[in-house]
Amino acid sequence: MLNEIEAYKRKLASNPEGERYYSTVSISHSLMSKTYNLVMDASQLTALDENGATVVYEPSSMQSLGASQSNDLDQEAIYTFSDELNILDGELDRIPLDSDESPVVIFRGYLSDYLDKPVEVFTYQVKSISQEKGIFTLRTGVPDLNSDQTGEIYDLDTFPMMRSLF
């Protein structure tokens, strides 16, 4: 019996008949009334997250760009989804514009045969939100943990060991 990672590698290599890949998104913020769990599908999906908790994902007309990529340092993803009833618009109004806390988007990928654990998990912070009538676009990226705001300039005279990087 294959584990979920081996099955995911097999799916990527050969795309076995009958197996489906589900892209899911969880949108949360401490000031929102709940976490919004969405699946890019026409029907509801019940699965376990990486912590073993049961999550019910609601169907959504959603498009993602770069959601499961991790091959660059920016690791940005763009999610566009419909919000005809303006539910998320009302939820985002709860967050003040000067808030330091950004909404969090967790992308999870599941295989239809292995819904007890996601095969991919990426946590993003929302960088910007744009809205048109009934459509939301979230531009997300990884937290800026590599930025050092000390004002110190790293040059080869001060740090000669950096020469090996060039």
Protein backbone atom coordinates (compact mmCIF):
# COMPACT_ATOMS: atom_id res chain seq x y z
CA MET A 1 0.00 0.00 0.00
CA LEU A 2 1.38 3.41 -0.98
CA ASN A 3 1.50 6.28 1.46
CA GLU A 4 0.07 9.64 0.43
CA ILE A 5 3.41 11.11 -0.75
CA GLU A 6 4.24 8.08 -2.91
CA ALA A 7 0.72 8.15 -4.34
CA TYR A 8 1.10 11.87 -5.11
CA LYS A 9 4.39 11.22 -6.93
CA ARG A 10 2.69 8.43 -8.90
CA LYS A 11 -0.20 10.75 -9.80
CA LEU A 12 2.20 13.42 -11.05
CA ALA A 13 4.13 10.87 -13.09
CA SER A 14 1.28 8.88 -14.63
CA ASN A 15 -2.09 10.43 -13.71
CA PRO A 16 -3.89 7.16 -12.82
CA GLU A 17 -7.51 6.91 -13.89
CA GLY A 18 -10.04 7.61 -11.15
CA GLU A 19 -7.75 9.64 -8.88
CA ARG A 20 -8.52 13.32 -8.43
CA TYR A 21 -6.49 16.15 -6.99
CA TYR A 22 -8.34 18.67 -4.83
CA SER A 23 -7.03 22.21 -4.31
CA THR A 24 -8.30 23.77 -1.09
CA VAL A 25 -7.87 27.15 0.56
CA SER A 26 -8.47 28.22 4.15
CA ILE A 27 -8.75 31.99 4.76
CA SER A 28 -8.51 33.22 8.35
CA HIS A 29 -7.87 36.26 10.51
CA SER A 30 -8.35 36.80 14.23
CA LEU A 31 -11.06 39.44 13.61
CA MET A 32 -13.06 37.36 11.11
CA SER A 33 -16.08 35.51 12.46
CA LYS A 34 -14.84 32.15 11.16
CA THR A 35 -12.26 30.48 8.94
CA TYR A 36 -13.44 30.14 5.36
CA ASN A 37 -12.56 26.73 3.91
CA LEU A 38 -13.02 26.53 0.15
CA VAL A 39 -12.40 23.77 -2.40
CA MET A 40 -11.95 24.26 -6.13
CA ASP A 41 -14.76 21.85 -7.01
CA ALA A 42 -18.52 21.72 -7.50
CA SER A 43 -19.21 19.64 -4.39
CA GLN A 44 -18.35 19.79 -0.71
CA LEU A 45 -15.19 18.03 0.50
CA THR A 46 -14.54 16.64 3.98
CA ALA A 47 -10.91 15.89 4.79
CA LEU A 48 -8.39 15.94 7.61
CA ASP A 49 -5.84 18.73 7.80
CA GLU A 50 -2.16 18.30 8.67
CA ASN A 51 -3.03 18.33 12.40
CA GLY A 52 -5.67 15.60 12.09
CA ALA A 53 -8.66 17.93 12.50
CA THR A 54 -11.71 17.36 10.28
CA VAL A 55 -12.30 20.24 7.88
CA VAL A 56 -15.37 20.70 5.68
CA TYR A 57 -14.49 22.62 2.51
CA GLU A 58 -17.30 24.46 0.75
CA PRO A 59 -17.41 24.44 -3.06
CA SER A 60 -16.16 27.60 -4.72
CA SER A 61 -15.64 28.94 -8.18
CA MET A 62 -11.97 29.63 -7.64
CA GLN A 63 -8.85 30.07 -9.75
CA SER A 64 -5.34 29.82 -8.37
CA LEU A 65 -2.05 30.81 -9.91
CA GLY A 66 1.19 29.55 -8.38
CA ALA A 67 -0.55 28.03 -5.38
CA SER A 68 1.57 24.91 -5.03
CA GLN A 69 4.92 26.16 -6.25
CA SER A 70 7.90 26.34 -3.97
CA ASN A 71 10.70 26.65 -6.49
CA ASP A 72 11.42 30.34 -6.06
CA LEU A 73 12.17 32.65 -3.16
CA ASP A 74 9.09 34.83 -3.62
CA GLN A 75 6.60 31.97 -3.35
CA GLU A 76 3.69 34.13 -4.37
CA ALA A 77 0.24 32.86 -5.20
CA ILE A 78 -2.84 34.61 -6.56
CA TYR A 79 -6.35 33.40 -5.76
CA THR A 80 -9.42 34.69 -7.55
CA PHE A 81 -12.83 33.51 -6.46
CA SER A 82 -16.43 34.57 -6.70
CA ASP A 83 -18.29 36.21 -3.81
CA GLU A 84 -21.72 36.97 -5.22
CA LEU A 85 -23.31 37.49 -1.80
CA ASN A 86 -20.44 39.74 -0.62
CA ILE A 87 -19.87 37.58 2.45
CA LEU A 88 -16.09 38.01 2.42
CA ASP A 89 -16.50 41.71 1.74
CA GLY A 90 -18.36 42.03 5.03
CA GLU A 91 -15.77 39.91 6.82
CA LEU A 92 -12.89 42.02 5.52
CA ASP A 93 -14.66 45.17 6.75
CA ARG A 94 -14.07 43.86 10.28
CA ILE A 95 -10.29 44.26 9.80
CA PRO A 96 -9.07 47.86 10.26
CA LEU A 97 -6.95 49.26 7.46
CA ASP A 98 -4.10 50.06 9.86
CA SER A 99 -3.99 46.51 11.25
CA ASP A 100 -0.52 44.96 11.46
CA GLU A 101 -1.98 41.46 11.26
CA SER A 102 -2.58 40.24 7.74
CA PRO A 103 -5.12 37.54 6.82
CA VAL A 104 -3.59 34.08 6.40
CA VAL A 105 -4.27 31.75 3.48
CA ILE A 106 -3.41 28.06 3.84
CA PHE A 107 -3.29 26.08 0.61
CA ARG A 108 -3.76 22.33 0.94
CA GLY A 109 -3.69 19.76 -1.83
CA TYR A 110 -5.40 16.38 -1.42
CA LEU A 111 -5.60 13.19 -3.45
CA SER A 112 -9.05 11.63 -3.63
CA ASP A 113 -7.77 8.32 -2.24
CA TYR A 114 -5.92 9.98 0.67
CA LEU A 115 -8.19 12.52 2.33
CA ASP A 116 -6.73 11.77 5.77
CA LYS A 117 -3.68 13.97 5.18
CA PRO A 118 -2.87 16.70 2.63
CA VAL A 119 -0.05 15.97 0.20
CA GLU A 120 0.85 19.66 -0.02
CA VAL A 121 0.54 22.44 2.56
CA PHE A 122 1.64 26.04 2.01
CA THR A 123 0.92 28.93 4.37
CA TYR A 124 0.75 32.39 2.83
CA GLN A 125 0.11 35.88 4.14
CA VAL A 126 -2.20 38.14 2.17
CA LYS A 127 -0.18 40.94 0.59
CA SER A 128 -3.07 42.71 -1.17
CA ILE A 129 -6.77 42.30 -1.80
CA SER A 130 -8.64 43.63 -4.81
CA GLN A 131 -12.34 43.41 -5.43
CA GLU A 132 -14.63 43.82 -8.35
CA LYS A 133 -18.36 43.25 -8.26
CA GLY A 134 -18.74 39.68 -6.98
CA ILE A 135 -15.05 38.77 -7.45
CA PHE A 136 -12.19 38.81 -4.95
CA THR A 137 -8.50 38.48 -5.77
CA LEU A 138 -6.03 37.73 -3.01
CA ARG A 139 -2.34 38.24 -3.77
CA THR A 140 -0.41 36.21 -1.24
CA GLY A 141 3.18 35.44 -0.37
CA VAL A 142 5.28 33.83 2.30
CA PRO A 143 6.06 35.88 5.41
CA ASP A 144 9.04 38.20 4.96
CA LEU A 145 11.25 36.33 7.41
CA ASN A 146 14.45 36.88 5.43
CA SER A 147 14.35 40.66 5.51
CA ASP A 148 16.75 42.27 7.93
CA GLN A 149 15.85 45.84 8.74
CA THR A 150 18.95 46.76 10.71
CA GLY A 151 20.19 49.17 8.08
CA GLU A 152 23.52 47.37 8.01
CA ILE A 153 25.17 47.21 4.59
CA TYR A 154 26.70 43.87 3.69
CA ASP A 155 29.71 44.45 1.47
CA LEU A 156 32.79 42.37 0.68
CA ASP A 157 35.14 44.63 2.64
CA THR A 158 33.22 44.20 5.88
CA PHE A 159 32.27 40.56 5.29
CA PRO A 160 35.04 38.93 3.19
CA MET A 161 33.53 35.44 3.63
CA MET A 162 30.72 36.49 1.27
CA ARG A 163 33.15 36.23 -1.64
CA SER A 164 32.49 32.50 -1.75
CA LEU A 165 28.84 33.21 -2.63
CA PHE A 166 29.78 35.04 -5.79
